[in-house]
Protein backbone atom coordinates (compact mmCIF):
# COMPACT_ATOMS: atom_id res chain seq x y z
CA UNK A 1 33.74 38.29 -28.03
CA UNK A 2 31.84 36.20 -25.60
CA UNK A 3 33.49 35.25 -22.31
CA UNK A 4 36.29 37.70 -22.88
CA UNK A 5 37.79 35.74 -25.76
CA UNK A 6 40.64 38.13 -26.43
CA UNK A 7 42.87 36.49 -28.97
CA UNK A 8 42.19 33.06 -27.51
CA UNK A 9 42.48 34.12 -23.84
CA UNK A 10 39.12 33.75 -22.10
CA UNK A 11 38.99 36.21 -19.22
CA UNK A 12 35.96 34.34 -17.86
CA UNK A 13 38.11 31.20 -17.53
CA UNK A 14 40.84 33.19 -15.78
CA UNK A 15 38.24 34.58 -13.36
CA UNK A 16 36.86 31.11 -12.60
CA UNK A 17 40.38 29.84 -11.88
CA UNK A 18 41.27 32.82 -9.67
CA UNK A 19 38.07 32.20 -7.67
CA UNK A 20 38.76 28.47 -7.28
CA UNK A 21 39.50 27.00 -3.84
CA UNK A 22 41.78 24.12 -4.78
CA UNK A 23 42.04 22.67 -1.29
CA UNK A 24 38.27 22.62 -0.78
CA UNK A 25 37.79 21.28 -4.31
CA UNK A 26 40.12 18.36 -3.62
CA UNK A 27 38.38 17.58 -0.33
CA UNK A 28 34.90 17.75 -1.89
CA UNK A 29 35.89 16.09 -5.17
CA UNK A 30 34.03 18.95 -6.87
CA UNK A 31 34.89 22.47 -8.02
CA UNK A 32 34.43 24.82 -5.03
CA UNK A 33 34.78 28.59 -5.20
CA UNK A 34 36.45 30.73 -2.54
CA UNK A 35 33.06 31.54 -1.03
CA UNK A 36 32.69 27.85 -0.14
CA UNK A 37 29.92 27.23 -2.64
CA UNK A 38 30.10 24.77 -5.53
CA UNK A 39 31.01 26.44 -8.82
CA UNK A 40 28.17 26.95 -11.26
CA UNK A 41 28.08 24.56 -14.18
CA UNK A 42 29.37 27.14 -16.68
CA UNK A 43 32.32 27.98 -14.40
CA UNK A 44 33.14 24.29 -13.93
CA UNK A 45 33.23 23.94 -17.72
CA UNK A 46 35.58 26.94 -17.96
CA UNK A 47 37.88 25.43 -15.32
CA UNK A 48 38.01 22.06 -17.07
CA UNK A 49 38.59 23.59 -20.51
CA UNK A 50 41.09 26.26 -19.41
CA UNK A 51 44.19 26.57 -21.56
CA UNK A 52 47.71 26.51 -20.22
CA UNK A 53 47.98 30.28 -20.66
CA UNK A 54 44.71 30.87 -18.79
CA UNK A 55 45.94 28.66 -15.95
CA UNK A 56 49.34 30.36 -15.79
CA UNK A 57 47.75 33.81 -15.77
CA UNK A 58 45.32 32.83 -13.00
CA UNK A 59 48.22 31.46 -10.95
CA UNK A 60 50.22 34.62 -11.57
CA UNK A 61 47.29 36.74 -10.37
CA UNK A 62 46.68 34.59 -7.28
CA UNK A 63 50.30 33.69 -6.65
CA UNK A 64 51.92 30.30 -6.28
CA UNK A 65 51.04 28.11 -3.28
CA UNK A 66 52.26 29.66 -0.08
CA UNK A 67 52.36 33.19 -1.47
CA UNK A 68 48.77 33.61 -2.68
CA UNK A 69 47.02 36.94 -2.35
CA UNK A 70 44.54 37.02 0.50
CA UNK A 71 41.18 35.42 -0.22
CA UNK A 72 39.24 38.73 -0.25
CA UNK A 73 41.70 40.12 -2.81
CA UNK A 74 41.37 37.01 -4.98
CA UNK A 75 37.56 37.23 -4.83
CA UNK A 76 37.71 40.92 -5.82
CA UNK A 77 40.13 40.23 -8.70
CA UNK A 78 37.92 37.39 -9.98
CA UNK A 79 34.86 39.64 -9.83
CA UNK A 80 36.64 42.40 -11.68
CA UNK A 81 37.85 40.07 -14.41
CA UNK A 82 34.29 38.71 -14.78
CA UNK A 83 32.92 42.24 -15.16
CA UNK A 84 35.44 43.06 -17.87
CA UNK A 85 35.20 39.74 -19.70
CA UNK A 86 32.31 40.73 -21.98
CA UNK A 87 33.01 44.45 -22.18
CA UNK A 88 34.68 46.37 -25.01
CA UNK A 89 38.01 46.77 -23.15
CA UNK A 90 38.38 42.97 -22.61
CA UNK A 91 41.06 42.52 -25.32
CA UNK A 92 43.17 45.41 -23.98
CA UNK A 93 42.89 44.11 -20.42
CA UNK A 94 43.81 40.58 -21.52
CA UNK A 95 46.92 41.80 -23.32
CA UNK A 96 47.87 44.05 -20.41
CA UNK A 97 47.51 41.24 -17.87
CA UNK A 98 49.56 38.88 -20.01
CA UNK A 99 52.32 41.44 -20.51
CA UNK A 100 52.42 42.49 -16.87
CA UNK A 101 52.03 39.15 -15.14
CA UNK A 102 53.61 36.62 -17.52
CA UNK A 103 57.03 36.67 -19.10
CA UNK A 104 56.95 34.73 -22.40
CA UNK A 105 59.98 32.55 -21.65
CA UNK A 106 59.51 32.79 -17.85
CA UNK A 107 63.25 33.42 -17.52
CA UNK A 108 62.68 36.20 -15.02
CA UNK A 109 59.94 36.75 -12.49
CA UNK A 110 57.25 39.04 -13.84
CA UNK A 111 57.59 42.51 -12.33
CA UNK A 112 54.06 42.41 -10.96
CA UNK A 113 54.43 39.27 -8.86
CA UNK A 114 55.62 41.08 -5.73
CA UNK A 115 52.59 43.37 -5.50
CA UNK A 116 49.93 41.53 -7.44
CA UNK A 117 46.80 43.23 -6.08
CA UNK A 118 48.12 46.79 -6.45
CA UNK A 119 49.48 46.12 -9.94
CA UNK A 120 46.24 44.46 -11.00
CA UNK A 121 44.19 47.39 -9.67
CA UNK A 122 46.35 49.96 -11.46
CA UNK A 123 46.19 48.05 -14.75
CA UNK A 124 42.41 47.56 -14.44
CA UNK A 125 41.80 51.25 -13.74
CA UNK A 126 43.88 52.19 -16.77
CA UNK A 127 42.75 49.59 -19.32
CA UNK A 128 39.30 48.29 -18.39
CA UNK A 129 37.43 50.86 -16.33
CA UNK A 130 37.34 53.74 -18.86
CA UNK A 131 35.65 51.63 -21.57
CA UNK A 132 33.16 49.74 -19.45
CA UNK A 133 29.41 50.38 -19.51
CA UNK A 134 28.30 52.62 -16.62
CA UNK A 135 26.56 49.91 -14.58
CA UNK A 136 29.54 47.53 -14.78
CA UNK A 137 31.96 50.39 -14.10
CA UNK A 138 30.04 51.29 -10.93
CA UNK A 139 30.29 47.71 -9.66
CA UNK A 140 33.95 47.61 -10.65
CA UNK A 141 34.75 50.75 -8.64
CA UNK A 142 33.29 49.12 -5.51
CA UNK A 143 35.43 46.00 -6.05
CA UNK A 144 38.52 48.09 -6.81
CA UNK A 145 38.00 50.03 -3.57
CA UNK A 146 37.80 46.71 -1.72
CA UNK A 147 40.96 45.49 -3.47
CA UNK A 148 42.84 48.71 -2.72
CA UNK A 149 41.49 48.54 0.86
């Protein structure tokens, strides 16, 4: 399962989208990440090829324009999703994120939209962290601590 391809959902694409600075990208006419640097070629390819579900999930994690999570939280979430993308718990995390952040018919707001960062952190600690390799889990704990700030 390369790139976190969990039943068609690529967590790596979701991470690239969460880490995307749309305003800077429009101004530069290039894909720019939240750190102000141009996206790497592989991330640009993920952004361009992202599915509708990957885009909707990334937007649900970040929040719609005007209500986005703070930039440091978005950077931490993107880093955490990248760490989990190629790990054994990737499919469980993908399903959990979809169930928590997206409602299939979008008739009601997803319950996690009000407190995105806290909900994401809780879900990640429950579904991804226990099954990750030790080195990735160590890096994830640092990012989770930043996210929980």
